[in-house]
Structure formats: structure tokens, C-alpha cells
Amino acid sequence: MPEEPLFAGAFMCERVLRETDGANSAIRIVDRVRSVGIGLEPPEVMPPLALRLALVMGVYGHRAERTGARPRNTPCPRVSDVR
């Protein structure tokens, strides 16, 4: 039975560019979104906020080599454990 893929990380950004060498570049990473009401009386319910964002997720199989700052013997959380 194959093991589940492992979750490496995720973030949202304005767009993802595919470079000529095959690498992906995340442009303008989003860490917060604000919606502001204008006027003397705030609305009871804020109107919907329309955004176009890309979700970038990193997952890898159990046989992939890990790189980065995480210690080699420290496992990443499984995809099913991330909420």
C-alpha cells in the first residue's frame, strides 16, 4: 500500500509565473486581506470581497529527498493531519 504524500507548506499569492527554465516564481505573497467599509454607518454585513489569488502547495512522496532548514530526522506533517 503506498504511503500518503507529505505536506511541505502552502501559501497564497497574486500569481505564479512559469519561468523559461521550468522554475515557478510566486509573485506578491499574500499574508492578510482587508475589506474596509466607507461611510458614517458601517454595514451590518460586509459585501463579498472578490479576489483572484493562487494557492501554492508543496507536497512530496515518501521517497523524495528533503531539502531546507528542517532537521533531517524531523518528519513533516502528513497532508491528512493539516487542517
PDB file of N, CA and C in Angstrom:
ATOM      1  N   MET A   1       0.842  -1.182   0.000  1.00  0.00           N
ATOM      2  CA  MET A   1       0.000   0.000   0.000  1.00  0.00           C
ATOM      3  C   MET A   1       0.889   1.247   0.000  1.00  0.00           C
ATOM      4  N   PRO A   2       0.702   2.168  -0.954  1.00  0.00           N
ATOM      5  CA  PRO A   2       1.558   3.367  -0.993  1.00  0.00           C
ATOM      6  C   PRO A   2       1.281   4.294   0.174  1.00  0.00           C
ATOM      7  N   GLU A   3       2.326   4.958   0.633  1.00  0.00           N
ATOM      8  CA  GLU A   3       2.164   5.922   1.719  1.00  0.00           C
ATOM      9  C   GLU A   3       1.564   7.210   1.177  1.00  0.00           C
ATOM     10  N   GLU A   4       0.933   7.984   2.066  1.00  0.00           N
ATOM     11  CA  GLU A   4       0.360   9.270   1.671  1.00  0.00           C
ATOM     12  C   GLU A   4       1.475  10.252   1.351  1.00  0.00           C
ATOM     13  N   PRO A   5       1.193  11.232   0.474  1.00  0.00           N
ATOM     14  CA  PRO A   5       2.205  12.272   0.254  1.00  0.00           C
ATOM     15  C   PRO A   5       2.375  13.115   1.513  1.00  0.00           C
ATOM     16  N   LEU A   6       3.526  13.706   1.679  1.00  0.00           N
ATOM     17  CA  LEU A   6       3.819  14.537   2.836  1.00  0.00           C
ATOM     18  C   LEU A   6       3.649  16.005   2.479  1.00  0.00           C
ATOM     19  N   PHE A   7       3.108  16.777   3.409  1.00  0.00           N
ATOM     20  CA  PHE A   7       2.840  18.191   3.201  1.00  0.00           C
ATOM     21  C   PHE A   7       4.079  19.002   3.565  1.00  0.00           C
ATOM     22  N   ALA A   8       4.552  19.861   2.660  1.00  0.00           N
ATOM     23  CA  ALA A   8       5.738  20.671   2.917  1.00  0.00           C
ATOM     24  C   ALA A   8       5.372  22.104   3.288  1.00  0.00           C
ATOM     25  N   GLY A   9       4.286  22.660   2.741  1.00  0.00           N
ATOM     26  CA  GLY A   9       3.897  24.035   3.044  1.00  0.00           C
ATOM     27  C   GLY A   9       2.890  24.546   2.029  1.00  0.00           C
ATOM     28  N   ALA A  10       2.288  25.697   2.345  1.00  0.00           N
ATOM     29  CA  ALA A  10       1.313  26.308   1.441  1.00  0.00           C
ATOM     30  C   ALA A  10       1.243  27.807   1.708  1.00  0.00           C
ATOM     31  N   PHE A  11       0.925  28.561   0.676  1.00  0.00           N
ATOM     32  CA  PHE A  11       0.691  29.993   0.805  1.00  0.00           C
ATOM     33  C   PHE A  11      -0.121  30.478  -0.381  1.00  0.00           C
ATOM     34  N   MET A  12      -0.663  31.697  -0.270  1.00  0.00           N
ATOM     35  CA  MET A  12      -1.411  32.314  -1.364  1.00  0.00           C
ATOM     36  C   MET A  12      -0.600  33.472  -1.924  1.00  0.00           C
ATOM     37  N   CYS A  13      -0.741  33.716  -3.217  1.00  0.00           N
ATOM     38  CA  CYS A  13      -0.038  34.820  -3.860  1.00  0.00           C
ATOM     39  C   CYS A  13      -0.901  35.356  -4.999  1.00  0.00           C
ATOM     40  N   GLU A  14      -0.500  36.517  -5.535  1.00  0.00           N
ATOM     41  CA  GLU A  14      -1.262  37.114  -6.628  1.00  0.00           C
ATOM     42  C   GLU A  14      -1.183  36.290  -7.896  1.00  0.00           C
ATOM     43  N   ARG A  15       0.012  35.809  -8.224  1.00  0.00           N
ATOM     44  CA  ARG A  15       0.149  34.976  -9.421  1.00  0.00           C
ATOM     45  C   ARG A  15       1.400  34.129  -9.335  1.00  0.00           C
ATOM     46  N   VAL A  16       1.430  33.081 -10.139  1.00  0.00           N
ATOM     47  CA  VAL A  16       2.590  32.202 -10.229  1.00  0.00           C
ATOM     48  C   VAL A  16       3.076  32.242 -11.676  1.00  0.00           C
ATOM     49  N   LEU A  17       4.348  32.572 -11.856  1.00  0.00           N
ATOM     50  CA  LEU A  17       4.938  32.619 -13.194  1.00  0.00           C
ATOM     51  C   LEU A  17       5.733  31.349 -13.443  1.00  0.00           C
ATOM     52  N   ARG A  18       5.608  30.801 -14.640  1.00  0.00           N
ATOM     53  CA  ARG A  18       6.418  29.651 -15.055  1.00  0.00           C
ATOM     54  C   ARG A  18       7.579  30.205 -15.867  1.00  0.00           C
ATOM     55  N   GLU A  19       8.791  30.126 -15.324  1.00  0.00           N
ATOM     56  CA  GLU A  19       9.976  30.676 -15.972  1.00  0.00           C
ATOM     57  C   GLU A  19      10.413  29.796 -17.134  1.00  0.00           C
ATOM     58  N   THR A  20      11.264  30.323 -18.002  1.00  0.00           N
ATOM     59  CA  THR A  20      11.714  29.577 -19.182  1.00  0.00           C
ATOM     60  C   THR A  20      12.535  28.352 -18.809  1.00  0.00           C
ATOM     61  N   ASP A  21      13.182  28.371 -17.635  1.00  0.00           N
ATOM     62  CA  ASP A  21      13.962  27.212 -17.205  1.00  0.00           C
ATOM     63  C   ASP A  21      13.114  26.178 -16.467  1.00  0.00           C
ATOM     64  N   GLY A  22      11.783  26.407 -16.394  1.00  0.00           N
ATOM     65  CA  GLY A  22      10.880  25.450 -15.747  1.00  0.00           C
ATOM     66  C   GLY A  22      10.593  25.744 -14.288  1.00  0.00           C
ATOM     67  N   ALA A  23      11.283  26.707 -13.706  1.00  0.00           N
ATOM     68  CA  ALA A  23      11.057  27.047 -12.298  1.00  0.00           C
ATOM     69  C   ALA A  23       9.809  27.913 -12.159  1.00  0.00           C
ATOM     70  N   ASN A  24       9.130  27.775 -11.033  1.00  0.00           N
ATOM     71  CA  ASN A  24       7.968  28.602 -10.733  1.00  0.00           C
ATOM     72  C   ASN A  24       8.379  29.754  -9.822  1.00  0.00           C
ATOM     73  N   SER A  25       7.793  30.939 -10.062  1.00  0.00           N
ATOM     74  CA  SER A  25       8.031  32.107  -9.217  1.00  0.00           C
ATOM     75  C   SER A  25       6.700  32.595  -8.668  1.00  0.00           C
ATOM     76  N   ALA A  26       6.582  32.685  -7.349  1.00  0.00           N
ATOM     77  CA  ALA A  26       5.377  33.205  -6.705  1.00  0.00           C
ATOM     78  C   ALA A  26       5.522  34.718  -6.579  1.00  0.00           C
ATOM     79  N   ILE A  27       4.550  35.455  -7.107  1.00  0.00           N
ATOM     80  CA  ILE A  27       4.607  36.912  -7.135  1.00  0.00           C
ATOM     81  C   ILE A  27       3.629  37.477  -6.110  1.00  0.00           C
ATOM     82  N   ARG A  28       4.111  38.380  -5.261  1.00  0.00           N
ATOM     83  CA  ARG A  28       3.338  39.087  -4.239  1.00  0.00           C
ATOM     84  C   ARG A  28       2.588  38.125  -3.318  1.00  0.00           C
ATOM     85  N   ILE A  29       3.311  37.514  -2.414  1.00  0.00           N
ATOM     86  CA  ILE A  29       2.722  36.582  -1.450  1.00  0.00           C
ATOM     87  C   ILE A  29       1.787  37.347  -0.520  1.00  0.00           C
ATOM     88  N   VAL A  30       0.598  36.783  -0.294  1.00  0.00           N
ATOM     89  CA  VAL A  30      -0.457  37.440   0.489  1.00  0.00           C
ATOM     90  C   VAL A  30      -0.470  36.851   1.891  1.00  0.00           C
ATOM     91  N   ASP A  31      -0.349  37.720   2.909  1.00  0.00           N
ATOM     92  CA  ASP A  31      -0.451  37.244   4.281  1.00  0.00           C
ATOM     93  C   ASP A  31      -1.668  37.823   4.989  1.00  0.00           C
ATOM     94  N   ARG A  32      -2.337  38.802   4.367  1.00  0.00           N
ATOM     95  CA  ARG A  32      -3.508  39.402   5.009  1.00  0.00           C
ATOM     96  C   ARG A  32      -4.353  40.073   3.929  1.00  0.00           C
ATOM     97  N   VAL A  33      -5.673  40.012   4.105  1.00  0.00           N
ATOM     98  CA  VAL A  33      -6.619  40.667   3.201  1.00  0.00           C
ATOM     99  C   VAL A  33      -7.558  41.506   4.055  1.00  0.00           C
ATOM    100  N   ARG A  34      -7.717  42.784   3.692  1.00  0.00           N
ATOM    101  CA  ARG A  34      -8.608  43.672   4.454  1.00  0.00           C
ATOM    102  C   ARG A  34      -9.720  44.161   3.556  1.00  0.00           C
ATOM    103  N   SER A  35     -10.909  44.286   4.134  1.00  0.00           N
ATOM    104  CA  SER A  35     -12.056  44.880   3.461  1.00  0.00           C
ATOM    105  C   SER A  35     -12.520  46.034   4.340  1.00  0.00           C
ATOM    106  N   VAL A  36     -12.638  47.226   3.758  1.00  0.00           N
ATOM    107  CA  VAL A  36     -12.953  48.423   4.527  1.00  0.00           C
ATOM    108  C   VAL A  36     -14.284  48.992   4.058  1.00  0.00           C
ATOM    109  N   GLY A  37     -15.166  49.286   5.001  1.00  0.00           N
ATOM    110  CA  GLY A  37     -16.424  49.954   4.690  1.00  0.00           C
ATOM    111  C   GLY A  37     -16.237  51.465   4.764  1.00  0.00           C
ATOM    112  N   ILE A  38     -16.856  52.204   3.847  1.00  0.00           N
ATOM    113  CA  ILE A  38     -16.722  53.662   3.812  1.00  0.00           C
ATOM    114  C   ILE A  38     -18.074  54.281   4.149  1.00  0.00           C
ATOM    115  N   GLY A  39     -18.075  55.278   5.000  1.00  0.00           N
ATOM    116  CA  GLY A  39     -19.300  55.975   5.365  1.00  0.00           C
ATOM    117  C   GLY A  39     -19.433  56.118   6.865  1.00  0.00           C
ATOM    118  N   LEU A  40     -20.497  56.813   7.281  1.00  0.00           N
ATOM    119  CA  LEU A  40     -20.714  57.054   8.703  1.00  0.00           C
ATOM    120  C   LEU A  40     -21.266  55.829   9.419  1.00  0.00           C
ATOM    121  N   GLU A  41     -22.112  55.078   8.765  1.00  0.00           N
ATOM    122  CA  GLU A  41     -22.708  53.876   9.357  1.00  0.00           C
ATOM    123  C   GLU A  41     -22.103  52.629   8.721  1.00  0.00           C
ATOM    124  N   PRO A  42     -21.452  51.797   9.506  1.00  0.00           N
ATOM    125  CA  PRO A  42     -20.920  50.559   8.921  1.00  0.00           C
ATOM    126  C   PRO A  42     -22.062  49.614   8.560  1.00  0.00           C
ATOM    127  N   PRO A  43     -21.935  48.864   7.479  1.00  0.00           N
ATOM    128  CA  PRO A  43     -22.987  47.915   7.112  1.00  0.00           C
ATOM    129  C   PRO A  43     -23.068  46.773   8.124  1.00  0.00           C
ATOM    130  N   GLU A  44     -24.264  46.217   8.296  1.00  0.00           N
ATOM    131  CA  GLU A  44     -24.423  45.067   9.195  1.00  0.00           C
ATOM    132  C   GLU A  44     -23.640  43.869   8.683  1.00  0.00           C
ATOM    133  N   VAL A  45     -23.671  43.685   7.372  1.00  0.00           N
ATOM    134  CA  VAL A  45     -22.941  42.582   6.742  1.00  0.00           C
ATOM    135  C   VAL A  45     -22.067  43.189   5.647  1.00  0.00           C
ATOM    136  N   MET A  46     -20.793  42.889   5.718  1.00  0.00           N
ATOM    137  CA  MET A  46     -19.887  43.397   4.685  1.00  0.00           C
ATOM    138  C   MET A  46     -20.189  42.720   3.353  1.00  0.00           C
ATOM    139  N   PRO A  47     -20.122  43.471   2.252  1.00  0.00           N
ATOM    140  CA  PRO A  47     -20.351  42.846   0.940  1.00  0.00           C
ATOM    141  C   PRO A  47     -19.232  41.859   0.624  1.00  0.00           C
ATOM    142  N   PRO A  48     -19.521  40.902  -0.260  1.00  0.00           N
ATOM    143  CA  PRO A  48     -18.486  39.922  -0.633  1.00  0.00           C
ATOM    144  C   PRO A  48     -17.259  40.610  -1.220  1.00  0.00           C
ATOM    145  N   LEU A  49     -16.126  40.029  -0.992  1.00  0.00           N
ATOM    146  CA  LEU A  49     -14.863  40.559  -1.483  1.00  0.00           C
ATOM    147  C   LEU A  49     -14.357  39.640  -2.589  1.00  0.00           C
ATOM    148  N   ALA A  50     -14.253  40.168  -3.803  1.00  0.00           N
ATOM    149  CA  ALA A  50     -13.806  39.362  -4.943  1.00  0.00           C
ATOM    150  C   ALA A  50     -12.290  39.483  -5.091  1.00  0.00           C
ATOM    151  N   LEU A  51     -11.603  38.366  -4.978  1.00  0.00           N
ATOM    152  CA  LEU A  51     -10.148  38.324  -5.118  1.00  0.00           C
ATOM    153  C   LEU A  51      -9.764  37.215  -6.082  1.00  0.00           C
ATOM    154  N   ARG A  52      -8.690  37.430  -6.795  1.00  0.00           N
ATOM    155  CA  ARG A  52      -8.129  36.362  -7.626  1.00  0.00           C
ATOM    156  C   ARG A  52      -6.740  36.066  -7.082  1.00  0.00           C
ATOM    157  N   LEU A  53      -6.609  34.941  -6.386  1.00  0.00           N
ATOM    158  CA  LEU A  53      -5.354  34.544  -5.771  1.00  0.00           C
ATOM    159  C   LEU A  53      -5.000  33.130  -6.208  1.00  0.00           C
ATOM    160  N   ALA A  54      -3.725  32.825  -6.163  1.00  0.00           N
ATOM    161  CA  ALA A  54      -3.254  31.468  -6.451  1.00  0.00           C
ATOM    162  C   ALA A  54      -2.855  30.807  -5.138  1.00  0.00           C
ATOM    163  N   LEU A  55      -3.210  29.557  -4.977  1.00  0.00           N
ATOM    164  CA  LEU A  55      -2.801  28.770  -3.818  1.00  0.00           C
ATOM    165  C   LEU A  55      -1.629  27.889  -4.249  1.00  0.00           C
ATOM    166  N   VAL A  56      -0.496  28.041  -3.580  1.00  0.00           N
ATOM    167  CA  VAL A  56       0.700  27.258  -3.882  1.00  0.00           C
ATOM    168  C   VAL A  56       0.901  26.276  -2.740  1.00  0.00           C
ATOM    169  N   MET A  57       0.941  24.991  -3.066  1.00  0.00           N
ATOM    170  CA  MET A  57       1.135  23.950  -2.050  1.00  0.00           C
ATOM    171  C   MET A  57       2.330  23.096  -2.435  1.00  0.00           C
ATOM    172  N   GLY A  58       3.089  22.712  -1.437  1.00  0.00           N
ATOM    173  CA  GLY A  58       4.215  21.817  -1.663  1.00  0.00           C
ATOM    174  C   GLY A  58       3.961  20.481  -1.000  1.00  0.00           C
ATOM    175  N   VAL A  59       3.942  19.432  -1.787  1.00  0.00           N
ATOM    176  CA  VAL A  59       3.812  18.066  -1.268  1.00  0.00           C
ATOM    177  C   VAL A  59       4.862  17.207  -1.959  1.00  0.00           C
ATOM    178  N   TYR A  60       5.252  16.145  -1.317  1.00  0.00           N
ATOM    179  CA  TYR A  60       6.202  15.236  -1.933  1.00  0.00           C
ATOM    180  C   TYR A  60       5.931  13.823  -1.449  1.00  0.00           C
ATOM    181  N   GLY A  61       6.397  12.863  -2.217  1.00  0.00           N
ATOM    182  CA  GLY A  61       6.217  11.466  -1.868  1.00  0.00           C
ATOM    183  C   GLY A  61       7.182  11.043  -0.777  1.00  0.00           C
ATOM    184  N   HIS A  62       6.954   9.876  -0.219  1.00  0.00           N
ATOM    185  CA  HIS A  62       7.762   9.418   0.906  1.00  0.00           C
ATOM    186  C   HIS A  62       9.199   9.090   0.511  1.00  0.00           C
ATOM    187  N   ARG A  63       9.501   8.953  -0.763  1.00  0.00           N
ATOM    188  CA  ARG A  63      10.863   8.639  -1.187  1.00  0.00           C
ATOM    189  C   ARG A  63      11.637   9.861  -1.652  1.00  0.00           C
ATOM    190  N   ALA A  64      11.030  11.029  -1.641  1.00  0.00           N
ATOM    191  CA  ALA A  64      11.716  12.239  -2.102  1.00  0.00           C
ATOM    192  C   ALA A  64      12.760  12.687  -1.093  1.00  0.00           C
ATOM    193  N   GLU A  65      13.810  13.298  -1.589  1.00  0.00           N
ATOM    194  CA  GLU A  65      14.828  13.883  -0.715  1.00  0.00           C
ATOM    195  C   GLU A  65      14.321  15.213  -0.198  1.00  0.00           C
ATOM    196  N   ARG A  66      14.486  15.460   1.090  1.00  0.00           N
ATOM    197  CA  ARG A  66      14.075  16.736   1.670  1.00  0.00           C
ATOM    198  C   ARG A  66      15.254  17.694   1.638  1.00  0.00           C
ATOM    199  N   THR A  67      14.949  18.961   1.359  1.00  0.00           N
ATOM    200  CA  THR A  67      15.965  19.998   1.433  1.00  0.00           C
ATOM    201  C   THR A  67      15.406  21.137   2.257  1.00  0.00           C
ATOM    202  N   GLY A  68      16.258  22.000   2.792  1.00  0.00           N
ATOM    203  CA  GLY A  68      15.777  23.143   3.547  1.00  0.00           C
ATOM    204  C   GLY A  68      16.288  23.124   4.973  1.00  0.00           C
ATOM    205  N   ALA A  69      15.668  23.935   5.811  1.00  0.00           N
ATOM    206  CA  ALA A  69      16.141  24.139   7.174  1.00  0.00           C
ATOM    207  C   ALA A  69      15.653  23.081   8.161  1.00  0.00           C
ATOM    208  N   ARG A  70      14.677  22.265   7.778  1.00  0.00           N
ATOM    209  CA  ARG A  70      14.149  21.252   8.692  1.00  0.00           C
ATOM    210  C   ARG A  70      15.216  20.190   8.961  1.00  0.00           C
ATOM    211  N   PRO A  71      15.449  19.825  10.233  1.00  0.00           N
ATOM    212  CA  PRO A  71      16.419  18.772  10.538  1.00  0.00           C
ATOM    213  C   PRO A  71      16.069  17.482   9.819  1.00  0.00           C
ATOM    214  N   ARG A  72      17.063  16.753   9.393  1.00  0.00           N
ATOM    215  CA  ARG A  72      16.860  15.578   8.545  1.00  0.00           C
ATOM    216  C   ARG A  72      15.962  14.518   9.179  1.00  0.00           C
ATOM    217  N   ASN A  73      16.016  14.310  10.471  1.00  0.00           N
ATOM    218  CA  ASN A  73      15.220  13.252  11.111  1.00  0.00           C
ATOM    219  C   ASN A  73      13.872  13.734  11.625  1.00  0.00           C
ATOM    220  N   THR A  74      13.473  14.967  11.312  1.00  0.00           N
ATOM    221  CA  THR A  74      12.188  15.501  11.748  1.00  0.00           C
ATOM    222  C   THR A  74      11.176  15.358  10.616  1.00  0.00           C
ATOM    223  N   PRO A  75      10.145  14.537  10.776  1.00  0.00           N
ATOM    224  CA  PRO A  75       9.183  14.359   9.679  1.00  0.00           C
ATOM    225  C   PRO A  75       8.280  15.573   9.515  1.00  0.00           C
ATOM    226  N   CYS A  76       7.871  15.825   8.285  1.00  0.00           N
ATOM    227  CA  CYS A  76       6.869  16.860   8.005  1.00  0.00           C
ATOM    228  C   CYS A  76       5.495  16.271   8.329  1.00  0.00           C
ATOM    229  N   PRO A  77       4.494  17.119   8.615  1.00  0.00           N
ATOM    230  CA  PRO A  77       3.155  16.580   8.884  1.00  0.00           C
ATOM    231  C   PRO A  77       2.554  15.983   7.618  1.00  0.00           C
ATOM    232  N   ARG A  78       1.736  14.965   7.775  1.00  0.00           N
ATOM    233  CA  ARG A  78       1.049  14.363   6.641  1.00  0.00           C
ATOM    234  C   ARG A  78      -0.070  15.294   6.178  1.00  0.00           C
ATOM    235  N   VAL A  79      -0.439  15.181   4.898  1.00  0.00           N
ATOM    236  CA  VAL A  79      -1.477  16.007   4.326  1.00  0.00           C
ATOM    237  C   VAL A  79      -2.777  15.854   5.116  1.00  0.00           C
ATOM    238  N   SER A  80      -3.104  14.632   5.533  1.00  0.00           N
ATOM    239  CA  SER A  80      -4.349  14.393   6.253  1.00  0.00           C
ATOM    240  C   SER A  80      -4.351  15.019   7.651  1.00  0.00           C
ATOM    241  N   ASP A  81      -3.147  15.341   8.208  1.00  0.00           N
ATOM    242  CA  ASP A  81      -3.077  15.930   9.547  1.00  0.00           C
ATOM    243  C   ASP A  81      -3.179  17.446   9.533  1.00  0.00           C
ATOM    244  N   VAL A  82      -3.040  18.083   8.370  1.00  0.00           N
ATOM    245  CA  VAL A  82      -3.089  19.542   8.268  1.00  0.00           C
ATOM    246  C   VAL A  82      -4.532  19.986   8.178  1.00  0.00           C
ATOM    247  N   ARG A  83      -4.925  20.922   9.012  1.00  0.00           N
ATOM    248  CA  ARG A  83      -6.317  21.381   8.992  1.00  0.00           C
ATOM    249  C   ARG A  83      -6.359  22.842   8.673  1.00  0.00           C
TER     250      ARG A  83
END
